[in-house]
Structure formats: structure tokens, C-alpha cells
Amino acid sequence: MWTHPPPDPPEHPLVRGYHNLKYSISELTSLPPSTIDIILPSITTAATALTLVYVYRNYLKRYPDSNSLPPHFFRRKGLYGKVVSVGDADNFRLFHTPGGRVMGWGWFPGRRVPEGRKELKGQTIHVRIAGVDAPECAHFGKPSQPHSAESLKYLTSLLTSRYVRAHLLRRDQYERVVCSVSMRRRGILGLLGFKHDVGLLMLRDGMAQVYEGTYGIEFGRREGMERKYRAAEEEARAKKVGIWGLKGVYESPGQYKARFGGKEGPFTPSAPVPPEKTAGEKVKGKRGVSSAALASEVKPAARGRKRKAPVVTVVRVVKRRKATTTDKKK
């Protein structure tokens, strides 16, 4: 015997929403016809306007660079666009073309992708391919890694002037957008084939390795991508293709960056800066004068200063003011 009746099971949200909608419709139909004729057009207009704004902001608006991307896009949205240039073996520049050819990109007047460097300035998104690390090219005076030219040529031929979809994950420390990138390769009779993950293709062909950083490692939104990436790397390593076929001791891109101090510039502790050059950099404002001469001019001036002189003058001024006040009183 129940002393108290058992509580009713919680109502499903869909059922609760259906009852609320049914109640709203019944309340609306109970209104007089004149009121309904006024309310219904207003509700329809407002709902249509909100829907159009939502569709435009999320699917039709073009975002020119990474700074213009809304924060809520990351890990939720993907950008469709054309690859206009490949700067390194694991990153490229993307011109966002929302809607693709359906919205007129490439064939409708005024909806073409610029080709000149001046026209593209400030109009592209710098994309870093997630989960992979390719050999470093020569930057900031640093030598290039072995196989960097081959990896760069591979990515250039794979992506240049192709339309891809970049799934936004996060921004890195260089203001690039880390993305998992997918594309369609040409199939039979020149038709578009299945989608391919660009990072996975690079790993299978030995053009990159799995990213080995300790912070901000990304492998995309889909489950199991890290396992697929590592399996593809092991397969390429076993076949000795690409970077795994190099002779000698292999240096990973991560080890290379640590040896040269990252991407900000070369770091060579074996070549110290001369002391005269360092002094000349700190003392600015005179051209054609050596740093030693500038230092000799600065040092005597510093030694000859009298720090108590201002205090003495203040005391004298105070004494003079006191004397003048006493004279006036007399």
C-alpha cells in the first residue's frame, strides 16, 4: 500500500513544448478576428526577419580575415573557400567564399576571387593545418630542414586554387586559425570524388608527422582522428616514404624549432654580439659617432653631476623669501 502516490515521471521536453504550442494556438484562436488579422502579419514579419539575419550571419556573410571571425564559430562552424597561396608546408591562405558556386562565386559578376597580391591584402584567412607538423622552410635567416622543399611542393600542388572546407578549432600564438581541412579530389571522368582530410593525406605520403607539441594539440572535431593520424604516420614510417626515407639522424620539426628558438627568429649562442655593437644599439640619436665615443661623453657627465645642488637652491630661495617677509613687517 502506498501511503503517498508515486510522483509522476518527468515530462519529455518535446511533449512539454507541444503542449505549450497547443495552448498558445488555442489562446490565439480564441481572440476576435480583427485582433488576429493584426497580430499574425506582425509575428510572421518578425520571424522572417530574424531567420534572414541568422542565415546571413552564419552562412552567407564573408569574413575577410581571422580577426573578423566570431568567437562562437570555433568548434562549431566550417568555412568554405579557395586556397590562394601556400606559404609553408603546413599552412596556407584561404579566401572565404560563403555558399560557393551556388551563391555565384567564380561565375557571377562581382563575385570573383581576387588574384593580385594587392587585392588579396587583408582579405584572406591564415590557416594552420591541425594535428600535423611539416619540415620547416628557411625563415628569418634559419636554414631549411631536409625534405622541406618536397613537402611544400606537395601541399602547393594539392591545395593551390582548390576549394576546401576548414573546420575552425582555435587561434594559435601566431594569430593563425588552426583548422582541420577537408577537400574533394577529382574522381572518375573528372568528377568530384569523396572527401579527404588534408592532414591525413600528408601523413600517409610521409610529407609531415603528427604534431608533438605539449600545448594546444588539435586533431579535429571528429572522434578517433588522433588514432587515425598516428596509424597513418606509423604506416608511412614502415614504408620509409617521404621524411621517413631520409638518411642520417632525423630531426623532427619540434626539435628544430627548439634548437633555433621557435619561429620568431634565429638564435645562435655560438655567435655572441660584440660589446661595441650592443652599446651602439642602446644609445640612439647620433649617426656617424662610434658607441665608444658616445659612452665617453655620457660617463663624465654622469660623474660630474651634483645631486645636492637643487636642494641648496631651494634652501636659498626659502631663506630669501623669509628675509623679504621680515623686511615688509618692519
C-alpha atoms as a PDB file:
ATOM      1  CA  MET A   1       0.000   0.000   0.000  1.00  0.00           C
ATOM      2  CA  TRP A   2       1.249   3.444  -0.918  1.00  0.00           C
ATOM      3  CA  THR A   3       1.000   5.994   1.844  1.00  0.00           C
ATOM      4  CA  HIS A   4       1.577   8.684  -0.787  1.00  0.00           C
ATOM      5  CA  PRO A   5       1.015   8.278  -4.530  1.00  0.00           C
ATOM      6  CA  PRO A   6       4.234   7.928  -6.549  1.00  0.00           C
ATOM      7  CA  PRO A   7       5.390  11.124  -8.290  1.00  0.00           C
ATOM      8  CA  ASP A   8       4.595  11.474 -11.939  1.00  0.00           C
ATOM      9  CA  PRO A   9       7.513  10.803 -14.295  1.00  0.00           C
ATOM     10  CA  PRO A  10       9.162  13.964 -15.688  1.00  0.00           C
ATOM     11  CA  GLU A  11       7.620  15.169 -18.890  1.00  0.00           C
ATOM     12  CA  HIS A  12       9.762  14.985 -22.020  1.00  0.00           C
ATOM     13  CA  PRO A  13      10.851  18.423 -23.321  1.00  0.00           C
ATOM     14  CA  LEU A  14       9.291  17.742 -26.724  1.00  0.00           C
ATOM     15  CA  VAL A  15       5.986  16.823 -25.131  1.00  0.00           C
ATOM     16  CA  ARG A  16       6.102  19.921 -22.951  1.00  0.00           C
ATOM     17  CA  GLY A  17       6.858  22.077 -25.983  1.00  0.00           C
ATOM     18  CA  TYR A  18       3.979  20.514 -27.896  1.00  0.00           C
ATOM     19  CA  HIS A  19       1.533  21.280 -25.074  1.00  0.00           C
ATOM     20  CA  ASN A  20       2.795  24.876 -24.823  1.00  0.00           C
ATOM     21  CA  LEU A  21       2.384  25.337 -28.579  1.00  0.00           C
ATOM     22  CA  LYS A  22      -1.086  23.817 -28.477  1.00  0.00           C
ATOM     23  CA  TYR A  23      -2.062  26.128 -25.631  1.00  0.00           C
ATOM     24  CA  SER A  24      -0.705  29.190 -27.480  1.00  0.00           C
ATOM     25  CA  ILE A  25      -2.632  28.282 -30.621  1.00  0.00           C
ATOM     26  CA  SER A  26      -5.835  27.782 -28.654  1.00  0.00           C
ATOM     27  CA  GLU A  27      -5.369  31.157 -26.958  1.00  0.00           C
ATOM     28  CA  LEU A  28      -4.672  32.811 -30.301  1.00  0.00           C
ATOM     29  CA  THR A  29      -7.737  31.302 -31.962  1.00  0.00           C
ATOM     30  CA  SER A  30      -9.922  32.471 -29.091  1.00  0.00           C
ATOM     31  CA  LEU A  31      -9.121  36.091 -29.932  1.00  0.00           C
ATOM     32  CA  PRO A  32     -11.523  38.090 -32.097  1.00  0.00           C
ATOM     33  CA  PRO A  33     -10.817  38.002 -35.858  1.00  0.00           C
ATOM     34  CA  SER A  34      -9.827  41.674 -36.007  1.00  0.00           C
ATOM     35  CA  THR A  35      -7.060  41.131 -33.439  1.00  0.00           C
ATOM     36  CA  ILE A  36      -5.795  38.034 -35.226  1.00  0.00           C
ATOM     37  CA  ASP A  37      -5.582  39.926 -38.508  1.00  0.00           C
ATOM     38  CA  ILE A  38      -3.267  42.440 -36.820  1.00  0.00           C
ATOM     39  CA  ILE A  39      -1.070  40.047 -34.789  1.00  0.00           C
ATOM     40  CA  LEU A  40      -0.403  37.327 -37.370  1.00  0.00           C
ATOM     41  CA  PRO A  41       1.282  39.571 -40.006  1.00  0.00           C
ATOM     42  CA  SER A  42       3.467  41.153 -37.321  1.00  0.00           C
ATOM     43  CA  ILE A  43       4.597  37.792 -35.968  1.00  0.00           C
ATOM     44  CA  THR A  44       5.274  36.463 -39.467  1.00  0.00           C
ATOM     45  CA  THR A  45       7.311  39.538 -40.431  1.00  0.00           C
ATOM     46  CA  ALA A  46       9.408  39.419 -37.252  1.00  0.00           C
ATOM     47  CA  ALA A  47      10.093  35.695 -37.571  1.00  0.00           C
ATOM     48  CA  THR A  48      11.097  36.068 -41.230  1.00  0.00           C
ATOM     49  CA  ALA A  49      13.457  38.962 -40.437  1.00  0.00           C
ATOM     50  CA  LEU A  50      15.142  37.048 -37.600  1.00  0.00           C
ATOM     51  CA  THR A  51      15.545  33.985 -39.806  1.00  0.00           C
ATOM     52  CA  LEU A  52      17.135  36.001 -42.618  1.00  0.00           C
ATOM     53  CA  VAL A  53      19.578  37.678 -40.205  1.00  0.00           C
ATOM     54  CA  TYR A  54      20.570  34.315 -38.725  1.00  0.00           C
ATOM     55  CA  VAL A  55      21.104  32.732 -42.159  1.00  0.00           C
ATOM     56  CA  TYR A  56      23.143  35.705 -43.385  1.00  0.00           C
ATOM     57  CA  ARG A  57      25.444  35.870 -40.354  1.00  0.00           C
ATOM     58  CA  ASN A  58      26.073  32.130 -40.179  1.00  0.00           C
ATOM     59  CA  TYR A  59      26.081  31.042 -43.824  1.00  0.00           C
ATOM     60  CA  LEU A  60      26.210  33.976 -46.272  1.00  0.00           C
ATOM     61  CA  LYS A  61      28.412  36.656 -44.674  1.00  0.00           C
ATOM     62  CA  ARG A  62      32.026  36.763 -45.893  1.00  0.00           C
ATOM     63  CA  TYR A  63      34.725  37.058 -43.252  1.00  0.00           C
ATOM     64  CA  PRO A  64      37.881  38.679 -44.686  1.00  0.00           C
ATOM     65  CA  ASP A  65      40.449  37.716 -42.030  1.00  0.00           C
ATOM     66  CA  SER A  66      40.903  35.761 -38.815  1.00  0.00           C
ATOM     67  CA  ASN A  67      40.205  38.774 -36.577  1.00  0.00           C
ATOM     68  CA  SER A  68      36.701  39.157 -38.012  1.00  0.00           C
ATOM     69  CA  LEU A  69      35.633  35.614 -37.075  1.00  0.00           C
ATOM     70  CA  PRO A  70      33.054  35.480 -34.252  1.00  0.00           C
ATOM     71  CA  PRO A  71      34.221  33.545 -31.169  1.00  0.00           C
ATOM     72  CA  HIS A  72      31.205  31.226 -31.252  1.00  0.00           C
ATOM     73  CA  PHE A  73      32.274  29.923 -34.678  1.00  0.00           C
ATOM     74  CA  PHE A  74      35.171  27.956 -33.229  1.00  0.00           C
ATOM     75  CA  ARG A  75      34.467  24.220 -32.834  1.00  0.00           C
ATOM     76  CA  ARG A  76      31.014  24.775 -34.384  1.00  0.00           C
ATOM     77  CA  LYS A  77      31.398  26.164 -37.891  1.00  0.00           C
ATOM     78  CA  GLY A  78      33.407  25.488 -41.006  1.00  0.00           C
ATOM     79  CA  LEU A  79      34.500  27.970 -43.651  1.00  0.00           C
ATOM     80  CA  TYR A  80      34.307  27.161 -47.342  1.00  0.00           C
ATOM     81  CA  GLY A  81      36.789  28.970 -49.523  1.00  0.00           C
ATOM     82  CA  LYS A  82      39.515  28.971 -52.144  1.00  0.00           C
ATOM     83  CA  VAL A  83      43.190  28.455 -51.373  1.00  0.00           C
ATOM     84  CA  VAL A  84      45.036  31.408 -52.917  1.00  0.00           C
ATOM     85  CA  SER A  85      48.576  30.681 -51.677  1.00  0.00           C
ATOM     86  CA  VAL A  86      50.626  28.179 -49.679  1.00  0.00           C
ATOM     87  CA  GLY A  87      53.247  29.856 -47.517  1.00  0.00           C
ATOM     88  CA  ASP A  88      54.689  26.853 -45.693  1.00  0.00           C
ATOM     89  CA  ALA A  89      54.379  23.096 -45.751  1.00  0.00           C
ATOM     90  CA  ASP A  90      51.590  23.062 -43.142  1.00  0.00           C
ATOM     91  CA  ASN A  91      49.711  26.361 -43.581  1.00  0.00           C
ATOM     92  CA  PHE A  92      48.043  28.383 -46.346  1.00  0.00           C
ATOM     93  CA  ARG A  93      45.884  31.401 -47.124  1.00  0.00           C
ATOM     94  CA  LEU A  94      42.138  30.971 -47.598  1.00  0.00           C
ATOM     95  CA  PHE A  95      39.754  33.374 -49.344  1.00  0.00           C
ATOM     96  CA  HIS A  96      36.340  32.818 -47.761  1.00  0.00           C
ATOM     97  CA  THR A  97      33.587  32.211 -50.337  1.00  0.00           C
ATOM     98  CA  PRO A  98      30.371  31.541 -48.382  1.00  0.00           C
ATOM     99  CA  GLY A  99      27.914  29.452 -50.332  1.00  0.00           C
ATOM    100  CA  GLY A 100      30.457  28.547 -53.016  1.00  0.00           C
ATOM    101  CA  ARG A 101      29.320  28.410 -56.635  1.00  0.00           C
ATOM    102  CA  VAL A 102      25.688  28.216 -55.561  1.00  0.00           C
ATOM    103  CA  MET A 103      25.962  31.829 -54.368  1.00  0.00           C
ATOM    104  CA  GLY A 104      27.711  32.920 -57.553  1.00  0.00           C
ATOM    105  CA  TRP A 105      31.372  32.701 -56.560  1.00  0.00           C
ATOM    106  CA  GLY A 106      33.536  32.244 -59.644  1.00  0.00           C
ATOM    107  CA  TRP A 107      30.914  32.974 -62.319  1.00  0.00           C
ATOM    108  CA  PHE A 108      28.575  35.779 -61.217  1.00  0.00           C
ATOM    109  CA  PRO A 109      29.709  39.409 -61.832  1.00  0.00           C
ATOM    110  CA  GLY A 110      31.206  40.910 -58.696  1.00  0.00           C
ATOM    111  CA  ARG A 111      31.652  37.509 -57.020  1.00  0.00           C
ATOM    112  CA  ARG A 112      35.106  36.582 -58.258  1.00  0.00           C
ATOM    113  CA  VAL A 113      38.147  35.707 -56.149  1.00  0.00           C
ATOM    114  CA  PRO A 114      40.945  38.315 -56.468  1.00  0.00           C
ATOM    115  CA  GLU A 115      44.253  37.164 -57.902  1.00  0.00           C
ATOM    116  CA  GLY A 116      46.665  40.053 -57.358  1.00  0.00           C
ATOM    117  CA  ARG A 117      48.662  40.393 -54.168  1.00  0.00           C
ATOM    118  CA  LYS A 118      47.412  43.937 -53.592  1.00  0.00           C
ATOM    119  CA  GLU A 119      43.774  42.894 -53.976  1.00  0.00           C
ATOM    120  CA  LEU A 120      44.244  39.982 -51.573  1.00  0.00           C
ATOM    121  CA  LYS A 121      45.954  42.050 -48.865  1.00  0.00           C
ATOM    122  CA  GLY A 122      43.844  41.874 -45.713  1.00  0.00           C
ATOM    123  CA  GLN A 123      41.240  39.667 -47.425  1.00  0.00           C
ATOM    124  CA  THR A 124      42.493  36.155 -46.569  1.00  0.00           C
ATOM    125  CA  ILE A 125      42.480  33.910 -43.508  1.00  0.00           C
ATOM    126  CA  HIS A 126      45.783  32.364 -42.433  1.00  0.00           C
ATOM    127  CA  VAL A 127      45.058  28.681 -41.785  1.00  0.00           C
ATOM    128  CA  ARG A 128      47.295  26.245 -39.891  1.00  0.00           C
ATOM    129  CA  ILE A 129      46.505  22.580 -40.599  1.00  0.00           C
ATOM    130  CA  ALA A 130      45.672  20.854 -37.319  1.00  0.00           C
ATOM    131  CA  GLY A 131      47.421  17.767 -35.986  1.00  0.00           C
ATOM    132  CA  VAL A 132      50.436  17.719 -38.343  1.00  0.00           C
ATOM    133  CA  ASP A 133      53.889  19.278 -38.387  1.00  0.00           C
ATOM    134  CA  ALA A 134      55.855  19.510 -41.635  1.00  0.00           C
ATOM    135  CA  PRO A 135      59.586  20.221 -42.111  1.00  0.00           C
ATOM    136  CA  GLU A 136      60.414  23.895 -41.677  1.00  0.00           C
ATOM    137  CA  CYS A 137      61.412  26.027 -44.644  1.00  0.00           C
ATOM    138  CA  ALA A 138      64.054  28.743 -44.456  1.00  0.00           C
ATOM    139  CA  HIS A 139      62.733  31.700 -42.426  1.00  0.00           C
ATOM    140  CA  PHE A 140      64.378  34.599 -40.592  1.00  0.00           C
ATOM    141  CA  GLY A 141      67.863  33.525 -41.654  1.00  0.00           C
ATOM    142  CA  LYS A 142      67.439  29.950 -40.425  1.00  0.00           C
ATOM    143  CA  PRO A 143      68.369  27.088 -42.761  1.00  0.00           C
ATOM    144  CA  SER A 144      65.639  24.879 -44.126  1.00  0.00           C
ATOM    145  CA  GLN A 145      65.080  21.357 -42.904  1.00  0.00           C
ATOM    146  CA  PRO A 146      65.690  18.360 -45.165  1.00  0.00           C
ATOM    147  CA  HIS A 147      62.627  17.497 -47.272  1.00  0.00           C
ATOM    148  CA  SER A 148      61.003  20.899 -46.607  1.00  0.00           C
ATOM    149  CA  ALA A 149      61.018  21.799 -50.311  1.00  0.00           C
ATOM    150  CA  GLU A 150      59.361  18.492 -51.231  1.00  0.00           C
ATOM    151  CA  SER A 151      56.657  18.903 -48.560  1.00  0.00           C
ATOM    152  CA  LEU A 152      55.982  22.467 -49.669  1.00  0.00           C
ATOM    153  CA  LYS A 153      55.717  21.412 -53.306  1.00  0.00           C
ATOM    154  CA  TYR A 154      53.341  18.595 -52.323  1.00  0.00           C
ATOM    155  CA  LEU A 155      50.968  20.886 -50.406  1.00  0.00           C
ATOM    156  CA  THR A 156      51.133  23.563 -53.104  1.00  0.00           C
ATOM    157  CA  SER A 157      50.125  21.131 -55.836  1.00  0.00           C
ATOM    158  CA  LEU A 158      47.427  19.642 -53.607  1.00  0.00           C
ATOM    159  CA  LEU A 159      45.687  22.848 -52.480  1.00  0.00           C
ATOM    160  CA  THR A 160      46.522  25.833 -54.691  1.00  0.00           C
ATOM    161  CA  SER A 161      43.403  27.194 -56.445  1.00  0.00           C
ATOM    162  CA  ARG A 162      41.296  24.428 -54.893  1.00  0.00           C
ATOM    163  CA  TYR A 163      38.156  24.882 -52.811  1.00  0.00           C
ATOM    164  CA  VAL A 164      38.387  23.405 -49.326  1.00  0.00           C
ATOM    165  CA  ARG A 165      36.396  23.428 -46.097  1.00  0.00           C
ATOM    166  CA  ALA A 166      38.250  24.497 -42.959  1.00  0.00           C
ATOM    167  CA  HIS A 167      36.658  23.487 -39.647  1.00  0.00           C
ATOM    168  CA  LEU A 168      37.607  26.144 -37.087  1.00  0.00           C
ATOM    169  CA  LEU A 169      39.206  24.887 -33.878  1.00  0.00           C
ATOM    170  CA  ARG A 170      41.186  27.716 -32.250  1.00  0.00           C
ATOM    171  CA  ARG A 171      43.731  30.512 -32.769  1.00  0.00           C
ATOM    172  CA  ASP A 172      47.411  29.864 -32.159  1.00  0.00           C
ATOM    173  CA  GLN A 173      50.122  32.164 -30.791  1.00  0.00           C
ATOM    174  CA  TYR A 174      50.878  33.485 -34.284  1.00  0.00           C
ATOM    175  CA  GLU A 175      47.262  34.641 -34.889  1.00  0.00           C
ATOM    176  CA  ARG A 176      46.655  31.802 -37.324  1.00  0.00           C
ATOM    177  CA  VAL A 177      43.441  29.787 -37.282  1.00  0.00           C
ATOM    178  CA  VAL A 178      44.057  26.116 -36.507  1.00  0.00           C
ATOM    179  CA  CYS A 179      41.663  24.070 -38.651  1.00  0.00           C
ATOM    180  CA  SER A 180      41.029  20.525 -39.756  1.00  0.00           C
ATOM    181  CA  VAL A 181      40.884  20.849 -43.536  1.00  0.00           C
ATOM    182  CA  SER A 182      38.917  18.643 -45.926  1.00  0.00           C
ATOM    183  CA  MET A 183      38.759  18.659 -49.723  1.00  0.00           C
ATOM    184  CA  ARG A 184      37.396  16.639 -52.628  1.00  0.00           C
ATOM    185  CA  ARG A 185      39.795  15.082 -55.095  1.00  0.00           C
ATOM    186  CA  ARG A 186      38.972  14.560 -58.741  1.00  0.00           C
ATOM    187  CA  GLY A 187      37.389  11.179 -59.306  1.00  0.00           C
ATOM    188  CA  ILE A 188      36.460   9.177 -62.385  1.00  0.00           C
ATOM    189  CA  LEU A 189      35.838  11.233 -65.567  1.00  0.00           C
ATOM    190  CA  GLY A 190      36.924  14.372 -63.765  1.00  0.00           C
ATOM    191  CA  LEU A 191      34.014  14.288 -61.334  1.00  0.00           C
ATOM    192  CA  LEU A 192      34.400  15.230 -57.704  1.00  0.00           C
ATOM    193  CA  GLY A 193      35.185  12.260 -55.525  1.00  0.00           C
ATOM    194  CA  PHE A 194      34.924  11.600 -51.808  1.00  0.00           C
ATOM    195  CA  LYS A 195      36.075  13.985 -49.115  1.00  0.00           C
ATOM    196  CA  HIS A 196      39.651  13.634 -47.903  1.00  0.00           C
ATOM    197  CA  ASP A 197      41.284  15.003 -44.781  1.00  0.00           C
ATOM    198  CA  VAL A 198      44.339  17.032 -45.863  1.00  0.00           C
ATOM    199  CA  GLY A 199      46.335  16.274 -42.714  1.00  0.00           C
ATOM    200  CA  LEU A 200      45.721  12.548 -43.119  1.00  0.00           C
ATOM    201  CA  LEU A 201      46.877  12.671 -46.749  1.00  0.00           C
ATOM    202  CA  MET A 202      50.109  14.396 -45.728  1.00  0.00           C
ATOM    203  CA  LEU A 203      50.814  11.800 -43.065  1.00  0.00           C
ATOM    204  CA  ARG A 204      50.149   8.847 -45.377  1.00  0.00           C
ATOM    205  CA  ASP A 205      52.514  10.218 -48.011  1.00  0.00           C
ATOM    206  CA  GLY A 206      55.245  10.990 -45.483  1.00  0.00           C
ATOM    207  CA  MET A 207      55.125  14.759 -46.002  1.00  0.00           C
ATOM    208  CA  ALA A 208      54.598  15.529 -42.323  1.00  0.00           C
ATOM    209  CA  GLN A 209      54.475  13.922 -38.919  1.00  0.00           C
ATOM    210  CA  VAL A 210      51.978  14.067 -36.073  1.00  0.00           C
ATOM    211  CA  TYR A 211      52.254  17.311 -34.148  1.00  0.00           C
ATOM    212  CA  GLU A 212      54.237  16.680 -30.976  1.00  0.00           C
ATOM    213  CA  GLY A 213      53.764  19.935 -29.071  1.00  0.00           C
ATOM    214  CA  THR A 214      52.855  19.985 -25.403  1.00  0.00           C
ATOM    215  CA  TYR A 215      50.170  22.695 -25.668  1.00  0.00           C
ATOM    216  CA  GLY A 216      47.172  23.198 -27.917  1.00  0.00           C
ATOM    217  CA  ILE A 217      47.293  19.909 -29.837  1.00  0.00           C
ATOM    218  CA  GLU A 218      44.246  19.603 -32.088  1.00  0.00           C
ATOM    219  CA  PHE A 219      43.054  16.685 -34.204  1.00  0.00           C
ATOM    220  CA  GLY A 220      39.673  17.937 -35.332  1.00  0.00           C
ATOM    221  CA  ARG A 221      36.136  17.596 -34.054  1.00  0.00           C
ATOM    222  CA  ARG A 222      35.576  14.005 -35.116  1.00  0.00           C
ATOM    223  CA  GLU A 223      36.255  11.200 -32.689  1.00  0.00           C
ATOM    224  CA  GLY A 224      39.208   8.937 -33.335  1.00  0.00           C
ATOM    225  CA  MET A 225      41.156  11.318 -35.591  1.00  0.00           C
ATOM    226  CA  GLU A 226      44.252  11.189 -33.390  1.00  0.00           C
ATOM    227  CA  ARG A 227      44.294   7.403 -33.662  1.00  0.00           C
ATOM    228  CA  LYS A 228      43.967   7.625 -37.455  1.00  0.00           C
ATOM    229  CA  TYR A 229      46.739  10.214 -37.652  1.00  0.00           C
ATOM    230  CA  ARG A 230      49.157   8.117 -35.618  1.00  0.00           C
ATOM    231  CA  ALA A 231      48.309   4.974 -37.576  1.00  0.00           C
ATOM    232  CA  ALA A 232      48.979   6.811 -40.853  1.00  0.00           C
ATOM    233  CA  GLU A 233      52.323   8.026 -39.526  1.00  0.00           C
ATOM    234  CA  GLU A 234      53.340   4.523 -38.463  1.00  0.00           C
ATOM    235  CA  GLU A 235      52.384   3.189 -41.888  1.00  0.00           C
ATOM    236  CA  ALA A 236      54.482   5.827 -43.667  1.00  0.00           C
ATOM    237  CA  ARG A 237      57.384   5.198 -41.284  1.00  0.00           C
ATOM    238  CA  ALA A 238      57.258   1.471 -42.024  1.00  0.00           C
ATOM    239  CA  LYS A 239      57.244   2.123 -45.786  1.00  0.00           C
ATOM    240  CA  LYS A 240      60.053   4.711 -45.420  1.00  0.00           C
ATOM    241  CA  VAL A 241      58.311   7.230 -47.638  1.00  0.00           C
ATOM    242  CA  GLY A 242      58.833  10.971 -47.562  1.00  0.00           C
ATOM    243  CA  ILE A 243      60.605  12.259 -44.478  1.00  0.00           C
ATOM    244  CA  TRP A 244      60.988   8.711 -43.151  1.00  0.00           C
ATOM    245  CA  GLY A 245      63.225   7.778 -46.071  1.00  0.00           C
ATOM    246  CA  LEU A 246      65.886  10.371 -45.224  1.00  0.00           C
ATOM    247  CA  LYS A 247      69.343   9.117 -44.366  1.00  0.00           C
ATOM    248  CA  GLY A 248      71.102  10.020 -41.162  1.00  0.00           C
ATOM    249  CA  VAL A 249      69.686  11.182 -37.837  1.00  0.00           C
ATOM    250  CA  TYR A 250      66.158  12.516 -38.214  1.00  0.00           C
ATOM    251  CA  GLU A 251      65.354  15.834 -36.534  1.00  0.00           C
ATOM    252  CA  SER A 252      61.668  16.498 -36.039  1.00  0.00           C
ATOM    253  CA  PRO A 253      60.213  19.960 -36.713  1.00  0.00           C
ATOM    254  CA  GLY A 254      59.639  20.357 -32.973  1.00  0.00           C
ATOM    255  CA  GLN A 255      63.292  19.660 -32.194  1.00  0.00           C
ATOM    256  CA  TYR A 256      64.330  22.023 -34.984  1.00  0.00           C
ATOM    257  CA  LYS A 257      62.202  24.861 -33.549  1.00  0.00           C
ATOM    258  CA  ALA A 258      63.581  24.250 -30.058  1.00  0.00           C
ATOM    259  CA  ARG A 259      67.148  24.363 -31.384  1.00  0.00           C
ATOM    260  CA  PHE A 260      66.582  27.660 -33.203  1.00  0.00           C
ATOM    261  CA  GLY A 261      64.315  29.281 -30.642  1.00  0.00           C
ATOM    262  CA  GLY A 262      60.934  28.936 -32.357  1.00  0.00           C
ATOM    263  CA  LYS A 263      59.692  30.918 -35.347  1.00  0.00           C
ATOM    264  CA  GLU A 264      60.435  34.401 -34.078  1.00  0.00           C
ATOM    265  CA  GLY A 265      63.987  34.396 -35.434  1.00  0.00           C
ATOM    266  CA  PRO A 266      67.324  32.595 -35.365  1.00  0.00           C
ATOM    267  CA  PHE A 267      69.038  32.032 -32.032  1.00  0.00           C
ATOM    268  CA  THR A 268      72.768  31.337 -32.281  1.00  0.00           C
ATOM    269  CA  PRO A 269      74.523  31.276 -28.894  1.00  0.00           C
ATOM    270  CA  SER A 270      77.815  30.352 -30.591  1.00  0.00           C
ATOM    271  CA  ALA A 271      77.965  33.818 -32.242  1.00  0.00           C
ATOM    272  CA  PRO A 272      77.784  36.448 -29.441  1.00  0.00           C
ATOM    273  CA  VAL A 273      77.133  40.082 -30.256  1.00  0.00           C
ATOM    274  CA  PRO A 274      80.248  42.345 -29.894  1.00  0.00           C
ATOM    275  CA  PRO A 275      80.093  44.710 -26.894  1.00  0.00           C
ATOM    276  CA  GLU A 276      80.565  47.830 -29.047  1.00  0.00           C
ATOM    277  CA  LYS A 277      77.563  46.907 -31.185  1.00  0.00           C
ATOM    278  CA  THR A 278      75.443  46.332 -28.101  1.00  0.00           C
ATOM    279  CA  ALA A 279      76.354  49.742 -26.677  1.00  0.00           C
ATOM    280  CA  GLY A 280      75.654  51.366 -30.021  1.00  0.00           C
ATOM    281  CA  GLU A 281      72.192  49.831 -30.129  1.00  0.00           C
ATOM    282  CA  LYS A 282      71.304  51.085 -26.658  1.00  0.00           C
ATOM    283  CA  VAL A 283      72.483  54.682 -27.270  1.00  0.00           C
ATOM    284  CA  LYS A 284      70.434  56.197 -30.091  1.00  0.00           C
ATOM    285  CA  GLY A 285      70.127  59.638 -31.671  1.00  0.00           C
ATOM    286  CA  LYS A 286      73.583  60.308 -33.253  1.00  0.00           C
ATOM    287  CA  ARG A 287      74.676  58.980 -36.596  1.00  0.00           C
ATOM    288  CA  GLY A 288      78.268  58.500 -37.604  1.00  0.00           C
ATOM    289  CA  VAL A 289      79.533  58.540 -33.994  1.00  0.00           C
ATOM    290  CA  SER A 290      81.016  55.395 -32.517  1.00  0.00           C
ATOM    291  CA  SER A 291      79.492  53.794 -29.453  1.00  0.00           C
ATOM    292  CA  ALA A 292      82.741  54.208 -27.504  1.00  0.00           C
ATOM    293  CA  ALA A 293      82.687  57.980 -28.118  1.00  0.00           C
ATOM    294  CA  LEU A 294      79.084  58.185 -27.050  1.00  0.00           C
ATOM    295  CA  ALA A 295      79.862  56.226 -23.904  1.00  0.00           C
ATOM    296  CA  SER A 296      82.804  58.524 -23.127  1.00  0.00           C
ATOM    297  CA  GLU A 297      80.506  61.535 -23.474  1.00  0.00           C
ATOM    298  CA  VAL A 298      77.896  60.085 -21.192  1.00  0.00           C
ATOM    299  CA  LYS A 299      80.140  58.874 -18.368  1.00  0.00           C
ATOM    300  CA  PRO A 300      81.867  62.199 -17.442  1.00  0.00           C
ATOM    301  CA  ALA A 301      78.540  63.961 -17.462  1.00  0.00           C
ATOM    302  CA  ALA A 302      77.181  61.372 -15.095  1.00  0.00           C
ATOM    303  CA  ARG A 303      80.214  61.658 -12.782  1.00  0.00           C
ATOM    304  CA  GLY A 304      80.185  65.460 -12.691  1.00  0.00           C
ATOM    305  CA  ARG A 305      76.611  65.811 -11.547  1.00  0.00           C
ATOM    306  CA  LYS A 306      75.854  67.338  -8.150  1.00  0.00           C
ATOM    307  CA  ARG A 307      72.823  65.748  -6.752  1.00  0.00           C
ATOM    308  CA  LYS A 308      72.542  68.150  -3.760  1.00  0.00           C
ATOM    309  CA  ALA A 309      72.642  71.295  -5.873  1.00  0.00           C
ATOM    310  CA  PRO A 310      68.849  71.514  -6.325  1.00  0.00           C
ATOM    311  CA  VAL A 311      68.350  71.142  -2.570  1.00  0.00           C
ATOM    312  CA  VAL A 312      70.754  74.028  -1.860  1.00  0.00           C
ATOM    313  CA  THR A 313      68.985  76.325  -4.309  1.00  0.00           C
ATOM    314  CA  VAL A 314      65.652  75.538  -2.734  1.00  0.00           C
ATOM    315  CA  VAL A 315      67.006  76.389   0.696  1.00  0.00           C
ATOM    316  CA  ARG A 316      68.402  79.678  -0.584  1.00  0.00           C
ATOM    317  CA  VAL A 317      65.063  80.606  -2.137  1.00  0.00           C
ATOM    318  CA  VAL A 318      63.292  79.858   1.116  1.00  0.00           C
ATOM    319  CA  LYS A 319      65.769  81.994   3.049  1.00  0.00           C
ATOM    320  CA  ARG A 320      65.328  84.888   0.629  1.00  0.00           C
ATOM    321  CA  ARG A 321      61.546  84.645   0.920  1.00  0.00           C
ATOM    322  CA  LYS A 322      61.795  84.720   4.725  1.00  0.00           C
ATOM    323  CA  ALA A 323      64.047  87.768   4.589  1.00  0.00           C
ATOM    324  CA  THR A 324      61.652  89.661   2.352  1.00  0.00           C
ATOM    325  CA  THR A 325      58.711  88.889   4.592  1.00  0.00           C
ATOM    326  CA  THR A 326      60.564  90.129   7.703  1.00  0.00           C
ATOM    327  CA  ASP A 327      61.533  93.355   5.899  1.00  0.00           C
ATOM    328  CA  LYS A 328      57.924  94.014   4.992  1.00  0.00           C
ATOM    329  CA  LYS A 329      56.832  93.543   8.585  1.00  0.00           C
ATOM    330  CA  LYS A 330      59.410  96.019   9.777  1.00  0.00           C
END
